[in-house]
Amino acid sequence: MNHCSAIAAALAPAGLDAVLLTCRANRFYAVGFDSHGTDGACLIMADGTAYYWTDGRYIEAAEAKISGARVGLTDRAHPYEQLVAEAAGRHGVRRLGFDDGAMTVADYNRWREALPCELVPASALLGALRARKDGEELNRMVRAQRIAERALAEVLNDIRPGVTERFLAARLVFLMRTYGADDVSFEPIVVSGANSSMPHGVPTDKAVAAGDFVTMDFGALCEGYCSDMTRTVAVGHVTEEMAAVYGTVLAAQEAGIAAARAGIPGKELDGAARAVIEAAGYGAYFTHSFGHSLGVEIHESPNAGPANGRPLPEGCVVSAEPGIYLPGRFGVRIEDVVQLVSGGCRNLTEAPKALLVL
């Protein structure tokens, strides 16, 4: 899988002769090969010619994996800057897009001094291309989601009074790896009781107790693409208030999913869910956006938040994750992932989400 042709086709309309991809996510999106950190550079011309350079640790794997780009070796005698400058010169590149959203100032200055062309910010261009998922990208995300759901079904058997948040988080990582994940999308969030009021709380040695909510936010990485989901379950029993809050969050999520469609502004999608929570009197306790895009990275553009008035494009994949967080008491979040299509959305998540008391 690679997207070199799609990237090349977008360059001339953007006034670019070529684009230089140095950040890990954009390099992977372009050629479908992952070399860690900064150990790679991809140069794509408007005419479709593409180059990928990496060092001796990855060159054999790159040559075997990459199609649609000329693979070359960088070493001390042939640094990235020299290789890119030579190729840009051969192709007469004058305006070269670059990863402005990921490149440091020091790296920018180094590239600017080395290259015989103007550097033009291009992260927004790559973000727009990456937002629209094609069939293979979606298949990988679905496979990642099924791995995560299988891990969830298994870890539910481990949730009981006395087990720690840290144990449950480690168990989720182990299970996702066991069931085929290449990695986790992010370090799992597992919080219980009063800790569940922190949306991005870190798992601790706190033991789960009867009467706790346990919130688990986690995802698998499969062939370079992320999944993301959150489920909140109860242990032993719930109070009337806990059940009411859970029901409100679930109703808000369902309202958001019902409104989700290609072309809806991000703030309108957020607003469809937020209105339900506000009507129930908990508006002050929904402290984040309804959702974010994901794909190669767990957080991508665009998002479904109250500040985004732009239409969400067809094909983008967005999380649906409203929550209510009562400080020092408890919190509830429920998250699915949906793909926006004309007239509606496709929910990639199959795990049940009715209130579960273990």
Protein backbone atom coordinates (compact mmCIF):
# COMPACT_ATOMS: atom_id res chain seq x y z
CA MET A 1 0.00 0.00 0.00
CA ASN A 2 1.25 3.47 -0.85
CA HIS A 3 -0.18 6.88 -1.64
CA CYS A 4 2.64 8.37 -3.70
CA SER A 5 0.41 8.87 -6.74
CA ALA A 6 -2.32 10.60 -4.75
CA ILE A 7 0.23 12.91 -3.15
CA ALA A 8 1.86 13.68 -6.51
CA ALA A 9 -1.51 14.56 -8.05
CA ALA A 10 -2.18 17.11 -5.30
CA LEU A 11 1.11 18.98 -5.68
CA ALA A 12 0.63 21.07 -8.83
CA PRO A 13 -2.81 22.40 -7.76
CA ALA A 14 -1.12 23.48 -4.52
CA GLY A 15 1.63 25.29 -6.42
CA LEU A 16 4.33 22.79 -5.48
CA ASP A 17 6.90 21.05 -7.64
CA ALA A 18 7.57 18.36 -5.04
CA VAL A 19 7.15 17.54 -1.37
CA LEU A 20 9.72 16.36 1.18
CA LEU A 21 8.32 14.07 3.87
CA THR A 22 10.47 13.65 6.95
CA CYS A 23 7.96 12.95 9.73
CA ARG A 24 7.33 9.29 10.45
CA ALA A 25 3.56 9.32 9.90
CA ASN A 26 3.67 11.06 6.52
CA ARG A 27 6.52 8.85 5.30
CA PHE A 28 4.51 5.77 6.21
CA TYR A 29 1.37 7.14 4.55
CA ALA A 30 3.34 7.77 1.37
CA VAL A 31 5.14 4.45 0.92
CA GLY A 32 3.66 2.03 3.47
CA PHE A 33 7.02 1.43 5.17
CA ASP A 34 7.92 2.40 8.72
CA SER A 35 11.44 3.29 9.79
CA HIS A 36 11.53 4.70 13.28
CA GLY A 37 11.89 8.33 14.26
CA THR A 38 13.79 10.47 11.79
CA ASP A 39 15.46 7.55 10.02
CA GLY A 40 13.96 8.15 6.59
CA ALA A 41 13.18 10.80 4.01
CA CYS A 42 10.70 10.65 1.14
CA LEU A 43 10.72 13.00 -1.84
CA ILE A 44 7.74 12.97 -4.23
CA MET A 45 7.66 14.96 -7.46
CA ALA A 46 4.57 16.40 -9.14
CA ASP A 47 5.26 14.13 -12.14
CA GLY A 48 4.90 11.05 -9.90
CA THR A 49 8.59 10.21 -9.45
CA ALA A 50 9.25 9.29 -5.83
CA TYR A 51 12.35 8.59 -3.76
CA TYR A 52 12.79 7.03 -0.32
CA TRP A 53 16.10 7.07 1.53
CA THR A 54 16.97 5.34 4.76
CA ASP A 55 20.09 4.14 6.57
CA GLY A 56 21.77 0.76 6.77
CA ARG A 57 19.55 -0.51 9.58
CA TYR A 58 16.43 -0.38 7.38
CA ILE A 59 17.65 -0.48 3.79
CA GLU A 60 17.09 -4.19 3.22
CA ALA A 61 13.58 -4.08 4.64
CA ALA A 62 12.79 -0.91 2.68
CA GLU A 63 13.93 -2.44 -0.60
CA ALA A 64 11.73 -5.48 0.04
CA LYS A 65 8.68 -3.52 1.18
CA ILE A 66 8.49 -0.33 -0.86
CA SER A 67 7.00 -0.17 -4.33
CA GLY A 68 6.31 2.99 -6.28
CA ALA A 69 9.45 4.79 -5.06
CA ARG A 70 13.16 4.52 -5.76
CA VAL A 71 14.86 3.30 -2.59
CA GLY A 72 18.33 4.62 -1.73
CA LEU A 73 20.87 4.41 1.09
CA THR A 74 22.04 7.31 3.22
CA ASP A 75 25.34 7.16 5.08
CA ARG A 76 28.01 9.53 6.36
CA ALA A 77 29.28 10.21 2.87
CA HIS A 78 25.77 10.71 1.52
CA PRO A 79 23.62 12.54 4.10
CA TYR A 80 19.93 13.06 3.56
CA GLU A 81 20.39 16.73 2.72
CA GLN A 82 22.81 15.94 -0.10
CA LEU A 83 20.63 13.19 -1.58
CA VAL A 84 17.50 15.34 -1.52
CA ALA A 85 19.32 18.37 -2.90
CA GLU A 86 20.73 16.35 -5.81
CA ALA A 87 17.32 14.90 -6.71
CA ALA A 88 15.61 18.27 -6.39
CA GLY A 89 18.23 19.79 -8.67
CA ARG A 90 17.82 17.06 -11.29
CA HIS A 91 14.07 17.65 -11.39
CA GLY A 92 14.27 21.44 -11.39
CA VAL A 93 12.34 21.80 -8.15
CA ARG A 94 11.74 25.41 -7.17
CA ARG A 95 8.92 25.14 -4.61
CA LEU A 96 9.28 22.22 -2.23
CA GLY A 97 6.60 21.35 0.33
CA PHE A 98 7.74 20.19 3.76
CA ASP A 99 6.36 18.83 7.05
CA ASP A 100 5.96 22.17 8.82
CA GLY A 101 3.69 20.64 11.46
CA ALA A 102 6.38 18.21 12.59
CA MET A 103 9.74 19.74 11.69
CA THR A 104 11.76 21.49 14.38
CA VAL A 105 13.20 24.96 13.81
CA ALA A 106 16.71 23.49 13.88
CA ASP A 107 15.82 20.92 11.20
CA TYR A 108 14.09 23.56 9.08
CA ASN A 109 17.17 25.77 9.16
CA ARG A 110 19.38 22.81 8.24
CA TRP A 111 17.21 21.85 5.27
CA ARG A 112 16.82 25.47 4.13
CA GLU A 113 20.59 25.89 3.98
CA ALA A 114 21.10 22.61 2.12
CA LEU A 115 18.39 22.77 -0.54
CA PRO A 116 18.42 24.78 -3.79
CA CYS A 117 14.72 25.66 -3.59
CA GLU A 118 12.06 27.43 -1.56
CA LEU A 119 10.54 25.49 1.34
CA VAL A 120 6.75 25.78 1.49
CA PRO A 121 4.57 24.52 4.37
CA ALA A 122 2.65 21.39 3.28
CA SER A 123 1.38 19.69 6.45
CA ALA A 124 -2.17 20.90 5.77
CA LEU A 125 -2.05 19.35 2.30
CA LEU A 126 -0.93 15.99 3.70
CA GLY A 127 -3.49 16.21 6.48
CA ALA A 128 -6.30 16.72 3.98
CA LEU A 129 -5.18 13.69 1.96
CA ARG A 130 -4.81 11.51 5.04
CA ALA A 131 -8.25 12.51 6.33
CA ARG A 132 -10.03 10.59 3.56
CA LYS A 133 -9.49 6.88 4.20
CA ASP A 134 -9.46 4.50 1.25
CA GLY A 135 -10.63 0.89 1.37
CA GLU A 136 -7.33 -0.65 2.43
CA GLU A 137 -6.81 1.91 5.17
CA LEU A 138 -10.31 1.25 6.47
CA ASN A 139 -9.76 -2.52 6.39
CA ARG A 140 -6.65 -2.15 8.52
CA MET A 141 -8.50 0.03 11.02
CA VAL A 142 -11.32 -2.50 11.25
CA ARG A 143 -8.82 -5.31 11.87
CA ALA A 144 -7.23 -3.23 14.61
CA GLN A 145 -10.65 -2.59 16.13
CA ARG A 146 -11.56 -6.27 16.18
CA ILE A 147 -8.30 -7.04 18.00
CA ALA A 148 -9.12 -4.41 20.62
CA GLU A 149 -12.65 -5.73 21.03
CA ARG A 150 -11.37 -9.25 21.54
CA ALA A 151 -9.04 -7.94 24.24
CA LEU A 152 -11.94 -6.13 25.90
CA ALA A 153 -14.08 -9.26 25.99
CA GLU A 154 -11.24 -11.09 27.71
CA VAL A 155 -10.23 -8.39 30.18
CA LEU A 156 -13.79 -8.13 31.49
CA ASN A 157 -13.13 -11.48 33.17
CA ASP A 158 -10.29 -9.88 35.14
CA ILE A 159 -12.20 -6.90 36.53
CA ARG A 160 -13.08 -7.48 40.17
CA PRO A 161 -12.39 -5.90 43.56
CA GLY A 162 -8.70 -5.99 44.40
CA VAL A 163 -7.14 -5.87 40.93
CA THR A 164 -5.26 -2.69 40.15
CA GLU A 165 -5.64 -0.20 37.35
CA ARG A 166 -2.02 -0.86 36.39
CA PHE A 167 -2.68 -4.61 36.11
CA LEU A 168 -5.71 -4.08 33.87
CA ALA A 169 -3.78 -1.70 31.63
CA ALA A 170 -0.93 -4.20 31.28
CA ARG A 171 -3.42 -6.98 30.64
CA LEU A 172 -4.99 -5.03 27.76
CA VAL A 173 -1.56 -4.50 26.18
CA PHE A 174 -0.74 -8.20 26.54
CA LEU A 175 -4.07 -9.32 25.09
CA MET A 176 -3.94 -6.97 22.10
CA ARG A 177 -0.41 -8.13 21.32
CA THR A 178 -1.45 -11.76 21.76
CA TYR A 179 -4.41 -11.37 19.40
CA GLY A 180 -2.33 -9.86 16.60
CA ALA A 181 -1.64 -6.18 17.26
CA ASP A 182 1.71 -4.88 16.05
CA ASP A 183 1.64 -2.40 18.91
CA VAL A 184 -0.82 -0.32 20.90
CA SER A 185 -2.24 2.89 19.43
CA PHE A 186 -1.37 4.64 22.70
CA GLU A 187 -0.74 3.66 26.30
CA PRO A 188 -4.09 2.46 27.69
CA ILE A 189 -6.02 4.65 30.09
CA VAL A 190 -7.51 2.55 32.89
CA VAL A 191 -9.00 4.54 35.77
CA SER A 192 -11.46 3.54 38.48
CA GLY A 193 -13.58 5.07 41.19
CA ALA A 194 -12.65 8.70 41.86
CA ASN A 195 -9.80 8.42 39.35
CA SER A 196 -12.35 7.95 36.56
CA SER A 197 -13.22 11.65 36.81
CA MET A 198 -9.90 12.37 35.05
CA PRO A 199 -10.47 11.95 31.27
CA HIS A 200 -6.80 11.14 30.60
CA GLY A 201 -5.87 9.71 33.96
CA VAL A 202 -2.82 7.45 34.21
CA PRO A 203 -3.23 3.91 35.55
CA THR A 204 -2.07 3.64 39.16
CA ASP A 205 -1.73 0.99 41.85
CA LYS A 206 -5.24 1.83 43.07
CA ALA A 207 -7.26 -1.33 43.55
CA VAL A 208 -10.70 -1.58 41.99
CA ALA A 209 -13.45 -1.57 44.64
CA ALA A 210 -17.09 -2.57 44.69
CA GLY A 211 -19.22 0.35 43.55
CA ASP A 212 -16.54 1.73 41.21
CA PHE A 213 -16.85 2.69 37.61
CA VAL A 214 -13.85 1.45 35.60
CA THR A 215 -13.11 3.39 32.42
CA MET A 216 -10.83 1.79 29.82
CA ASP A 217 -9.63 3.79 26.81
CA PHE A 218 -7.32 1.80 24.52
CA GLY A 219 -6.53 0.82 20.95
CA ALA A 220 -4.54 -1.56 18.79
CA LEU A 221 -2.14 -0.78 15.96
CA CYS A 222 -2.52 -3.07 12.94
CA GLU A 223 -0.35 -2.69 9.82
CA GLY A 224 0.30 0.94 10.64
CA TYR A 225 -3.30 1.98 11.44
CA CYS A 226 -4.91 2.73 14.79
CA SER A 227 -8.09 1.76 16.54
CA ASP A 228 -9.56 3.60 19.52
CA MET A 229 -12.36 2.75 21.91
CA THR A 230 -13.55 3.46 25.43
CA ARG A 231 -15.84 1.43 27.61
CA THR A 232 -16.94 2.19 31.18
CA VAL A 233 -18.16 -0.70 33.31
CA ALA A 234 -19.35 -0.91 36.92
CA VAL A 235 -18.20 -3.30 39.62
CA GLY A 236 -20.73 -4.87 41.99
CA HIS A 237 -23.43 -2.22 41.94
CA VAL A 238 -24.27 1.34 40.82
CA THR A 239 -26.15 4.19 42.44
CA GLU A 240 -29.11 5.85 40.75
CA GLU A 241 -26.90 8.81 39.91
CA MET A 242 -24.23 6.61 38.36
CA ALA A 243 -26.84 4.89 36.20
CA ALA A 244 -28.33 8.25 35.20
CA VAL A 245 -24.94 9.67 34.20
CA TYR A 246 -24.13 6.56 32.20
CA GLY A 247 -27.48 6.75 30.43
CA THR A 248 -26.92 10.41 29.61
CA VAL A 249 -23.49 9.75 28.09
CA LEU A 250 -24.84 6.86 26.05
CA ALA A 251 -27.76 8.97 24.79
CA ALA A 252 -25.36 11.79 23.88
CA GLN A 253 -23.12 9.42 21.97
CA GLU A 254 -26.08 7.95 20.09
CA ALA A 255 -27.28 11.47 19.22
CA GLY A 256 -23.86 12.34 17.85
CA ILE A 257 -23.61 9.17 15.81
CA ALA A 258 -27.11 9.76 14.42
CA ALA A 259 -26.02 13.24 13.27
CA ALA A 260 -22.69 12.10 11.83
CA ARG A 261 -22.40 12.43 8.07
CA ALA A 262 -19.94 13.68 5.48
CA GLY A 263 -20.05 17.48 5.22
CA ILE A 264 -21.32 18.24 8.72
CA PRO A 265 -19.22 20.95 10.41
CA GLY A 266 -17.21 19.60 13.30
CA LYS A 267 -18.89 21.90 15.80
CA GLU A 268 -22.37 20.75 14.72
CA LEU A 269 -21.46 17.12 15.27
CA ASP A 270 -20.07 18.03 18.68
CA GLY A 271 -23.16 20.07 19.41
CA ALA A 272 -25.57 17.22 18.69
CA ALA A 273 -24.05 15.23 21.55
CA ARG A 274 -23.32 18.19 23.81
CA ALA A 275 -26.97 19.29 23.74
CA VAL A 276 -28.05 16.02 25.36
CA ILE A 277 -25.54 16.40 28.19
CA GLU A 278 -26.42 20.05 28.72
CA ALA A 279 -30.14 19.25 28.84
CA ALA A 280 -29.45 16.75 31.62
CA GLY A 281 -27.63 19.43 33.63
CA TYR A 282 -24.12 18.10 33.17
CA GLY A 283 -22.86 20.49 30.50
CA ALA A 284 -20.05 21.84 32.69
CA TYR A 285 -18.72 18.31 33.14
CA PHE A 286 -18.24 17.47 29.45
CA THR A 287 -14.78 18.98 29.18
CA HIS A 288 -13.44 17.83 25.80
CA SER A 289 -14.52 17.55 22.18
CA PHE A 290 -16.95 14.94 20.89
CA GLY A 291 -14.25 13.37 18.75
CA HIS A 292 -11.05 13.45 16.73
CA SER A 293 -9.89 11.88 13.50
CA LEU A 294 -7.49 8.96 13.55
CA GLY A 295 -5.63 6.70 11.15
CA VAL A 296 -1.85 6.41 10.94
CA GLU A 297 -1.79 8.49 14.13
CA ILE A 298 -4.22 8.29 17.00
CA HIS A 299 -4.99 12.02 16.75
CA GLU A 300 -5.29 13.43 13.25
CA SER A 301 -7.09 16.32 11.61
CA PRO A 302 -9.94 17.26 11.44
CA ASN A 303 -11.77 17.04 14.75
CA ALA A 304 -15.38 17.14 15.85
CA GLY A 305 -15.07 19.89 18.41
CA PRO A 306 -16.89 23.11 19.29
CA ALA A 307 -14.22 25.29 17.63
CA ASN A 308 -14.22 23.55 14.24
CA GLY A 309 -16.68 25.16 11.84
CA ARG A 310 -15.29 23.41 8.75
CA PRO A 311 -17.17 20.53 7.09
CA LEU A 312 -15.82 17.07 7.87
CA PRO A 313 -14.83 15.37 4.59
CA GLU A 314 -16.33 12.21 3.19
CA GLY A 315 -14.28 9.18 4.14
CA CYS A 316 -12.78 10.56 7.33
CA VAL A 317 -12.81 8.40 10.44
CA VAL A 318 -13.82 10.16 13.66
CA SER A 319 -14.13 9.03 17.26
CA ALA A 320 -17.47 9.46 19.02
CA GLU A 321 -16.57 9.86 22.69
CA PRO A 322 -18.66 12.13 24.89
CA GLY A 323 -18.12 11.97 28.63
CA ILE A 324 -19.23 13.33 31.97
CA TYR A 325 -16.63 13.77 34.71
CA LEU A 326 -17.63 14.68 38.27
CA PRO A 327 -14.39 15.77 39.99
CA GLY A 328 -13.33 13.55 42.87
CA ARG A 329 -16.32 11.25 42.42
CA PHE A 330 -16.54 9.36 39.13
CA GLY A 331 -16.62 9.73 35.38
CA VAL A 332 -18.11 8.00 32.36
CA ARG A 333 -16.90 7.95 28.76
CA ILE A 334 -18.16 5.76 25.90
CA GLU A 335 -16.27 5.77 22.61
CA ASP A 336 -16.89 4.26 19.20
CA VAL A 337 -15.20 5.12 15.91
CA VAL A 338 -17.22 5.98 12.79
CA GLN A 339 -16.45 6.68 9.14
CA LEU A 340 -18.40 9.57 7.65
CA VAL A 341 -20.15 8.86 4.35
CA SER A 342 -22.76 10.67 2.31
CA GLY A 343 -25.96 10.83 4.33
CA GLY A 344 -24.65 9.13 7.45
CA CYS A 345 -21.82 7.12 8.92
CA ARG A 346 -20.49 3.59 9.30
CA ASN A 347 -19.75 2.53 12.87
CA LEU A 348 -16.54 0.49 12.91
CA THR A 349 -17.12 -0.55 16.53
CA GLU A 350 -19.10 -3.66 17.39
CA ALA A 351 -18.52 -3.98 21.16
CA PRO A 352 -21.71 -3.66 23.23
CA LYS A 353 -22.14 -0.50 25.28
CA ALA A 354 -25.20 -0.99 27.46
CA LEU A 355 -24.36 -0.46 31.13
CA LEU A 356 -22.53 -3.55 32.36
CA VAL A 357 -22.29 -4.33 36.07
CA LEU A 358 -19.67 -6.99 36.75
